[in-house]
Amino acid sequence: MAKSYIDPSPANFQAFKDLPRDEPIHMLNLLRFRDLAEYPEGHEYHGNGWTGRRAYEEYGKTSGPIFSRVGGKIVWRGAFQTMVTGPEPDEKVWHDGFVAQYPNAGAFFEMIKDADYQKAVVNRTAALLDSRLMRFKPGEVGGGFG
């Protein structure tokens, strides 16, 4: 299996931090769930038999209030169906995807530094086999491709 990505590398996170912090941002999230969630030994959910999807639902439930408090909202969500351009489907299948909007990058930093968020993120780590998180500057919507 190819390398999987759950957390940002130091270089990628630095590149994120170096971008402007005072403008709206969109974060594209692509998610591939584990068949069975992998919680650390000693965690209250270790060995409970949850699927990766169920563990991610717990992440959403526990991180959602913090996400909302900092001004975040989901502006698009979808369930993967097939790869049109990219690797063959058996090489990379994303289960879900969504775009989270933040009023600015500072709101994202506020969220990830929150003590309750840091407790909640263990559910995300346990849930995911692979993921991508990409920052975009929001653009115009509607009309054509150009």
N, C-alpha and C. Protein backbone atom coordinates (compact mmCIF):
# COMPACT_ATOMS: atom_id res chain seq x y z
N MET A 1 0.84 -1.18 0.00
CA MET A 1 0.00 0.00 0.00
C MET A 1 0.88 1.25 0.00
N ALA A 2 0.44 2.28 -0.66
CA ALA A 2 1.17 3.54 -0.73
C ALA A 2 1.17 4.20 0.65
N LYS A 3 2.08 5.14 0.82
CA LYS A 3 2.16 5.89 2.07
C LYS A 3 0.82 6.57 2.35
N SER A 4 0.43 6.60 3.61
CA SER A 4 -0.79 7.31 3.97
C SER A 4 -0.44 8.56 4.77
N TYR A 5 -1.37 9.49 4.77
CA TYR A 5 -1.16 10.79 5.41
C TYR A 5 -2.34 11.06 6.33
N ILE A 6 -2.03 11.26 7.61
CA ILE A 6 -3.07 11.57 8.58
C ILE A 6 -2.85 12.98 9.14
N ASP A 7 -1.62 13.31 9.47
CA ASP A 7 -1.26 14.61 10.03
C ASP A 7 -0.31 15.34 9.08
N PRO A 8 -0.28 16.67 9.14
CA PRO A 8 0.61 17.41 8.25
C PRO A 8 2.09 17.19 8.61
N SER A 9 2.92 17.21 7.58
CA SER A 9 4.36 17.18 7.82
C SER A 9 4.78 18.55 8.33
N PRO A 10 5.91 18.65 9.02
CA PRO A 10 6.36 19.97 9.48
C PRO A 10 6.50 20.98 8.32
N ALA A 11 7.01 20.54 7.18
CA ALA A 11 7.19 21.45 6.03
C ALA A 11 5.84 21.92 5.50
N ASN A 12 4.87 21.01 5.37
CA ASN A 12 3.56 21.39 4.87
C ASN A 12 2.85 22.32 5.84
N PHE A 13 2.97 22.06 7.14
CA PHE A 13 2.31 22.92 8.11
C PHE A 13 2.95 24.30 8.13
N GLN A 14 4.27 24.36 7.95
CA GLN A 14 4.95 25.67 7.89
C GLN A 14 4.46 26.45 6.67
N ALA A 15 4.31 25.78 5.53
CA ALA A 15 3.80 26.45 4.33
C ALA A 15 2.40 27.02 4.59
N PHE A 16 1.57 26.27 5.30
CA PHE A 16 0.24 26.75 5.67
C PHE A 16 0.36 27.99 6.56
N LYS A 17 1.23 27.92 7.57
CA LYS A 17 1.39 29.04 8.50
C LYS A 17 1.95 30.28 7.82
N ASP A 18 2.72 30.10 6.74
CA ASP A 18 3.32 31.23 6.04
C ASP A 18 2.35 31.98 5.14
N LEU A 19 1.19 31.39 4.85
CA LEU A 19 0.19 32.06 4.02
C LEU A 19 -0.56 33.12 4.85
N PRO A 20 -1.23 34.07 4.17
CA PRO A 20 -1.98 35.10 4.91
C PRO A 20 -2.97 34.46 5.90
N ARG A 21 -3.08 35.10 7.06
CA ARG A 21 -3.97 34.56 8.11
C ARG A 21 -5.26 35.34 8.26
N ASP A 22 -5.41 36.43 7.49
CA ASP A 22 -6.54 37.33 7.69
C ASP A 22 -7.55 37.32 6.56
N GLU A 23 -7.58 36.22 5.77
CA GLU A 23 -8.54 36.12 4.67
C GLU A 23 -9.28 34.79 4.79
N PRO A 24 -10.51 34.73 4.25
CA PRO A 24 -11.26 33.48 4.31
C PRO A 24 -10.49 32.34 3.63
N ILE A 25 -10.68 31.14 4.15
CA ILE A 25 -10.04 29.96 3.54
C ILE A 25 -11.05 28.83 3.42
N HIS A 26 -10.82 27.99 2.42
CA HIS A 26 -11.54 26.75 2.25
C HIS A 26 -10.54 25.62 2.43
N MET A 27 -10.95 24.59 3.15
CA MET A 27 -10.09 23.43 3.38
C MET A 27 -10.78 22.21 2.78
N LEU A 28 -10.18 21.67 1.69
CA LEU A 28 -10.69 20.45 1.07
C LEU A 28 -10.19 19.26 1.87
N ASN A 29 -11.09 18.43 2.32
CA ASN A 29 -10.79 17.23 3.10
C ASN A 29 -11.18 16.00 2.30
N LEU A 30 -10.25 15.08 2.07
CA LEU A 30 -10.55 13.79 1.46
C LEU A 30 -10.25 12.73 2.50
N LEU A 31 -11.17 11.81 2.70
CA LEU A 31 -11.09 10.86 3.81
C LEU A 31 -11.17 9.42 3.31
N ARG A 32 -10.29 8.60 3.83
CA ARG A 32 -10.34 7.15 3.60
C ARG A 32 -10.32 6.50 4.98
N PHE A 33 -11.40 5.80 5.30
CA PHE A 33 -11.57 5.25 6.64
C PHE A 33 -10.92 3.88 6.79
N ARG A 34 -10.47 3.60 8.00
CA ARG A 34 -10.01 2.25 8.36
C ARG A 34 -11.25 1.35 8.45
N ASP A 35 -11.06 0.06 8.20
CA ASP A 35 -12.16 -0.88 8.44
C ASP A 35 -12.52 -0.87 9.92
N LEU A 36 -11.51 -0.92 10.77
CA LEU A 36 -11.67 -0.92 12.22
C LEU A 36 -10.83 0.21 12.80
N ALA A 37 -11.44 1.07 13.60
CA ALA A 37 -10.72 2.20 14.21
C ALA A 37 -9.56 1.69 15.05
N GLU A 38 -8.47 2.46 15.08
CA GLU A 38 -7.28 2.09 15.86
C GLU A 38 -7.01 3.15 16.91
N TYR A 39 -7.58 2.93 18.09
CA TYR A 39 -7.35 3.83 19.22
C TYR A 39 -6.10 3.38 19.97
N PRO A 40 -5.39 4.32 20.59
CA PRO A 40 -4.21 3.93 21.37
C PRO A 40 -4.59 3.09 22.59
N GLU A 41 -3.70 2.22 22.96
CA GLU A 41 -3.86 1.40 24.17
C GLU A 41 -4.18 2.32 25.35
N GLY A 42 -5.15 1.97 26.12
CA GLY A 42 -5.50 2.76 27.29
C GLY A 42 -6.56 3.83 27.03
N HIS A 43 -6.86 4.13 25.77
CA HIS A 43 -7.90 5.12 25.46
C HIS A 43 -9.27 4.49 25.77
N GLU A 44 -10.20 5.31 26.21
CA GLU A 44 -11.53 4.80 26.60
C GLU A 44 -12.24 4.06 25.47
N TYR A 45 -11.92 4.35 24.20
CA TYR A 45 -12.57 3.68 23.08
C TYR A 45 -11.74 2.54 22.48
N HIS A 46 -10.57 2.29 23.04
CA HIS A 46 -9.71 1.20 22.54
C HIS A 46 -10.45 -0.14 22.67
N GLY A 47 -10.47 -0.90 21.57
CA GLY A 47 -11.07 -2.22 21.60
C GLY A 47 -12.58 -2.24 21.59
N ASN A 48 -13.23 -1.11 21.29
CA ASN A 48 -14.70 -1.09 21.33
C ASN A 48 -15.34 -1.59 20.04
N GLY A 49 -14.53 -1.91 19.02
CA GLY A 49 -15.07 -2.48 17.79
C GLY A 49 -15.64 -1.47 16.80
N TRP A 50 -15.41 -0.18 17.03
CA TRP A 50 -15.92 0.83 16.11
C TRP A 50 -15.23 0.73 14.76
N THR A 51 -16.00 1.01 13.70
CA THR A 51 -15.41 1.16 12.37
C THR A 51 -14.71 2.53 12.32
N GLY A 52 -13.90 2.70 11.29
CA GLY A 52 -13.29 4.01 11.09
C GLY A 52 -14.33 5.09 10.88
N ARG A 53 -15.37 4.76 10.12
CA ARG A 53 -16.44 5.75 9.88
C ARG A 53 -17.10 6.14 11.20
N ARG A 54 -17.36 5.16 12.08
CA ARG A 54 -18.00 5.48 13.37
C ARG A 54 -17.09 6.35 14.23
N ALA A 55 -15.78 6.07 14.21
CA ALA A 55 -14.84 6.90 14.97
C ALA A 55 -14.80 8.32 14.42
N TYR A 56 -14.92 8.46 13.09
CA TYR A 56 -14.93 9.80 12.50
C TYR A 56 -16.22 10.54 12.87
N GLU A 57 -17.32 9.82 12.97
CA GLU A 57 -18.56 10.44 13.44
C GLU A 57 -18.38 10.99 14.85
N GLU A 58 -17.66 10.25 15.68
CA GLU A 58 -17.37 10.72 17.04
C GLU A 58 -16.51 11.97 17.00
N TYR A 59 -15.54 12.01 16.09
CA TYR A 59 -14.71 13.20 15.91
C TYR A 59 -15.59 14.39 15.54
N GLY A 60 -16.51 14.17 14.61
CA GLY A 60 -17.42 15.25 14.21
C GLY A 60 -18.28 15.75 15.37
N LYS A 61 -18.76 14.81 16.16
CA LYS A 61 -19.62 15.17 17.30
C LYS A 61 -18.84 15.95 18.36
N THR A 62 -17.60 15.55 18.62
CA THR A 62 -16.83 16.18 19.68
C THR A 62 -16.09 17.44 19.23
N SER A 63 -15.76 17.54 17.94
CA SER A 63 -15.06 18.73 17.45
C SER A 63 -16.02 19.76 16.86
N GLY A 64 -17.23 19.33 16.51
CA GLY A 64 -18.20 20.22 15.87
C GLY A 64 -18.48 21.51 16.61
N PRO A 65 -18.72 21.48 17.92
CA PRO A 65 -18.98 22.73 18.63
C PRO A 65 -17.81 23.71 18.57
N ILE A 66 -16.59 23.21 18.57
CA ILE A 66 -15.41 24.08 18.49
C ILE A 66 -15.32 24.67 17.09
N PHE A 67 -15.52 23.82 16.07
CA PHE A 67 -15.51 24.25 14.68
C PHE A 67 -16.53 25.37 14.47
N SER A 68 -17.73 25.21 14.99
CA SER A 68 -18.76 26.24 14.86
C SER A 68 -18.39 27.51 15.62
N ARG A 69 -17.83 27.34 16.83
CA ARG A 69 -17.48 28.50 17.65
C ARG A 69 -16.47 29.41 16.97
N VAL A 70 -15.53 28.84 16.22
CA VAL A 70 -14.51 29.66 15.55
C VAL A 70 -15.03 30.22 14.21
N GLY A 71 -16.27 29.89 13.86
CA GLY A 71 -16.86 30.43 12.63
C GLY A 71 -16.78 29.51 11.44
N GLY A 72 -16.43 28.24 11.66
CA GLY A 72 -16.34 27.29 10.57
C GLY A 72 -17.70 26.77 10.15
N LYS A 73 -17.81 26.42 8.87
CA LYS A 73 -19.01 25.76 8.38
C LYS A 73 -18.65 24.91 7.17
N ILE A 74 -19.42 23.87 6.96
CA ILE A 74 -19.23 23.00 5.80
C ILE A 74 -19.96 23.63 4.62
N VAL A 75 -19.24 23.87 3.52
CA VAL A 75 -19.87 24.48 2.35
C VAL A 75 -20.10 23.48 1.22
N TRP A 76 -19.54 22.29 1.33
CA TRP A 76 -19.79 21.20 0.37
C TRP A 76 -19.43 19.89 1.03
N ARG A 77 -20.21 18.85 0.75
CA ARG A 77 -19.94 17.51 1.27
C ARG A 77 -20.38 16.50 0.21
N GLY A 78 -19.63 15.42 0.08
CA GLY A 78 -20.01 14.40 -0.89
C GLY A 78 -19.44 13.04 -0.54
N ALA A 79 -20.04 12.01 -1.11
CA ALA A 79 -19.58 10.63 -0.95
C ALA A 79 -18.95 10.19 -2.26
N PHE A 80 -17.74 9.68 -2.20
CA PHE A 80 -17.00 9.24 -3.38
C PHE A 80 -17.79 8.21 -4.18
N GLN A 81 -17.76 8.34 -5.50
CA GLN A 81 -18.38 7.35 -6.37
C GLN A 81 -17.37 6.67 -7.28
N THR A 82 -16.58 7.44 -8.04
CA THR A 82 -15.55 6.84 -8.90
C THR A 82 -14.51 7.87 -9.28
N MET A 83 -13.32 7.40 -9.61
CA MET A 83 -12.24 8.26 -10.08
C MET A 83 -12.41 8.47 -11.58
N VAL A 84 -12.42 9.71 -12.02
CA VAL A 84 -12.53 10.02 -13.44
C VAL A 84 -11.13 10.33 -13.99
N THR A 85 -10.40 11.20 -13.34
CA THR A 85 -9.02 11.50 -13.69
C THR A 85 -8.18 11.25 -12.45
N GLY A 86 -7.22 10.35 -12.55
CA GLY A 86 -6.38 10.02 -11.40
C GLY A 86 -6.05 8.55 -11.42
N PRO A 87 -5.51 8.04 -10.32
CA PRO A 87 -5.13 6.62 -10.26
C PRO A 87 -6.35 5.71 -10.44
N GLU A 88 -6.07 4.48 -10.83
CA GLU A 88 -7.14 3.49 -10.94
C GLU A 88 -7.86 3.38 -9.60
N PRO A 89 -9.17 3.15 -9.61
CA PRO A 89 -9.95 3.15 -8.37
C PRO A 89 -9.42 2.24 -7.26
N ASP A 90 -8.82 1.11 -7.61
CA ASP A 90 -8.34 0.23 -6.54
C ASP A 90 -7.08 0.78 -5.88
N GLU A 91 -6.46 1.80 -6.47
CA GLU A 91 -5.26 2.39 -5.88
C GLU A 91 -5.60 3.45 -4.83
N LYS A 92 -6.64 4.22 -5.05
CA LYS A 92 -6.99 5.29 -4.11
C LYS A 92 -8.49 5.51 -4.15
N VAL A 93 -9.17 5.08 -3.13
CA VAL A 93 -10.61 5.29 -3.01
C VAL A 93 -10.84 6.19 -1.80
N TRP A 94 -11.42 7.34 -2.05
CA TRP A 94 -11.80 8.22 -0.95
C TRP A 94 -13.23 7.88 -0.59
N HIS A 95 -13.49 7.70 0.68
CA HIS A 95 -14.85 7.38 1.11
C HIS A 95 -15.73 8.63 1.15
N ASP A 96 -15.20 9.70 1.68
CA ASP A 96 -15.96 10.95 1.80
C ASP A 96 -15.05 12.13 1.50
N GLY A 97 -15.69 13.24 1.19
CA GLY A 97 -14.96 14.49 1.01
C GLY A 97 -15.84 15.64 1.43
N PHE A 98 -15.22 16.72 1.86
CA PHE A 98 -15.97 17.92 2.18
C PHE A 98 -15.06 19.13 2.13
N VAL A 99 -15.68 20.30 2.01
CA VAL A 99 -14.95 21.56 2.06
C VAL A 99 -15.43 22.31 3.29
N ALA A 100 -14.49 22.61 4.17
CA ALA A 100 -14.78 23.39 5.37
C ALA A 100 -14.34 24.83 5.10
N GLN A 101 -15.19 25.76 5.44
CA GLN A 101 -14.88 27.18 5.28
C GLN A 101 -14.60 27.78 6.65
N TYR A 102 -13.55 28.57 6.71
CA TYR A 102 -13.20 29.31 7.93
C TYR A 102 -13.16 30.79 7.60
N PRO A 103 -13.53 31.65 8.55
CA PRO A 103 -13.49 33.08 8.27
C PRO A 103 -12.07 33.57 7.97
N ASN A 104 -11.08 32.86 8.52
CA ASN A 104 -9.68 33.16 8.25
C ASN A 104 -8.83 32.03 8.84
N ALA A 105 -7.56 32.03 8.51
CA ALA A 105 -6.67 30.98 9.00
C ALA A 105 -6.52 31.04 10.52
N GLY A 106 -6.64 32.24 11.09
CA GLY A 106 -6.56 32.36 12.54
C GLY A 106 -7.62 31.54 13.23
N ALA A 107 -8.80 31.44 12.64
CA ALA A 107 -9.88 30.62 13.21
C ALA A 107 -9.49 29.15 13.21
N PHE A 108 -8.84 28.71 12.13
CA PHE A 108 -8.37 27.32 12.07
C PHE A 108 -7.35 27.07 13.18
N PHE A 109 -6.40 27.99 13.36
CA PHE A 109 -5.40 27.84 14.42
C PHE A 109 -6.05 27.83 15.80
N GLU A 110 -7.05 28.69 15.99
CA GLU A 110 -7.77 28.72 17.27
C GLU A 110 -8.41 27.36 17.55
N MET A 111 -8.99 26.76 16.51
CA MET A 111 -9.64 25.46 16.68
C MET A 111 -8.62 24.39 17.07
N ILE A 112 -7.52 24.28 16.31
CA ILE A 112 -6.60 23.17 16.57
C ILE A 112 -5.82 23.33 17.88
N LYS A 113 -5.77 24.55 18.41
CA LYS A 113 -5.09 24.78 19.70
C LYS A 113 -6.01 24.57 20.89
N ASP A 114 -7.31 24.48 20.65
CA ASP A 114 -8.30 24.32 21.72
C ASP A 114 -8.08 22.98 22.43
N ALA A 115 -8.07 22.98 23.74
CA ALA A 115 -7.81 21.76 24.53
C ALA A 115 -8.86 20.68 24.25
N ASP A 116 -10.12 21.07 24.11
CA ASP A 116 -11.16 20.08 23.82
C ASP A 116 -11.00 19.52 22.41
N TYR A 117 -10.57 20.36 21.48
CA TYR A 117 -10.32 19.86 20.12
C TYR A 117 -9.19 18.84 20.14
N GLN A 118 -8.15 19.14 20.89
CA GLN A 118 -7.00 18.22 20.95
C GLN A 118 -7.40 16.86 21.53
N LYS A 119 -8.39 16.84 22.42
CA LYS A 119 -8.92 15.57 22.91
C LYS A 119 -9.75 14.87 21.84
N ALA A 120 -10.50 15.66 21.07
CA ALA A 120 -11.38 15.11 20.04
C ALA A 120 -10.61 14.52 18.86
N VAL A 121 -9.44 15.09 18.53
CA VAL A 121 -8.73 14.71 17.32
C VAL A 121 -8.23 13.26 17.37
N VAL A 122 -8.15 12.66 18.55
CA VAL A 122 -7.76 11.24 18.64
C VAL A 122 -8.75 10.37 17.87
N ASN A 123 -10.01 10.80 17.81
CA ASN A 123 -11.02 10.06 17.05
C ASN A 123 -10.72 10.12 15.55
N ARG A 124 -10.27 11.26 15.07
CA ARG A 124 -9.91 11.41 13.66
C ARG A 124 -8.73 10.50 13.32
N THR A 125 -7.72 10.53 14.17
CA THR A 125 -6.53 9.70 13.94
C THR A 125 -6.89 8.22 13.95
N ALA A 126 -7.73 7.81 14.88
CA ALA A 126 -8.16 6.41 14.96
C ALA A 126 -8.97 6.00 13.75
N ALA A 127 -9.71 6.93 13.17
CA ALA A 127 -10.65 6.64 12.10
C ALA A 127 -10.01 6.47 10.74
N LEU A 128 -8.94 7.24 10.47
CA LEU A 128 -8.47 7.38 9.10
C LEU A 128 -7.32 6.46 8.73
N LEU A 129 -7.46 5.88 7.55
CA LEU A 129 -6.38 5.11 6.93
C LEU A 129 -5.53 6.07 6.12
N ASP A 130 -6.15 7.06 5.51
CA ASP A 130 -5.45 8.04 4.69
C ASP A 130 -6.33 9.27 4.57
N SER A 131 -5.72 10.41 4.32
CA SER A 131 -6.49 11.64 4.15
C SER A 131 -5.66 12.66 3.38
N ARG A 132 -6.35 13.67 2.90
CA ARG A 132 -5.70 14.84 2.33
C ARG A 132 -6.43 16.05 2.90
N LEU A 133 -5.68 17.08 3.21
CA LEU A 133 -6.23 18.34 3.69
C LEU A 133 -5.51 19.44 2.90
N MET A 134 -6.26 20.17 2.09
CA MET A 134 -5.68 21.16 1.20
C MET A 134 -6.37 22.50 1.39
N ARG A 135 -5.55 23.54 1.53
CA ARG A 135 -6.08 24.89 1.69
C ARG A 135 -6.25 25.55 0.33
N PHE A 136 -7.41 26.22 0.17
CA PHE A 136 -7.69 26.98 -1.03
C PHE A 136 -8.16 28.37 -0.63
N LYS A 137 -7.84 29.36 -1.46
CA LYS A 137 -8.42 30.69 -1.32
C LYS A 137 -9.75 30.67 -2.06
N PRO A 138 -10.86 30.98 -1.41
CA PRO A 138 -12.16 30.93 -2.09
C PRO A 138 -12.17 31.84 -3.32
N GLY A 139 -12.84 31.38 -4.36
CA GLY A 139 -12.96 32.14 -5.59
C GLY A 139 -14.42 32.35 -5.94
N GLU A 140 -14.65 32.92 -7.09
CA GLU A 140 -16.01 33.16 -7.57
C GLU A 140 -16.70 31.84 -7.87
N VAL A 141 -17.99 31.78 -7.61
CA VAL A 141 -18.78 30.58 -7.93
C VAL A 141 -19.84 30.93 -8.96
N GLY A 142 -20.34 29.89 -9.63
CA GLY A 142 -21.33 30.09 -10.67
C GLY A 142 -20.65 30.28 -12.01
N GLY A 143 -21.42 30.26 -13.06
CA GLY A 143 -20.88 30.47 -14.39
C GLY A 143 -20.07 29.30 -14.89
N GLY A 144 -19.07 29.57 -15.70
CA GLY A 144 -18.29 28.54 -16.35
C GLY A 144 -17.01 28.19 -15.62
N PHE A 145 -16.12 27.48 -16.35
CA PHE A 145 -14.88 27.00 -15.77
C PHE A 145 -13.80 28.07 -15.66
N GLY A 146 -13.88 29.12 -16.43
CA GLY A 146 -12.79 30.10 -16.52
C GLY A 146 -12.82 31.20 -15.54
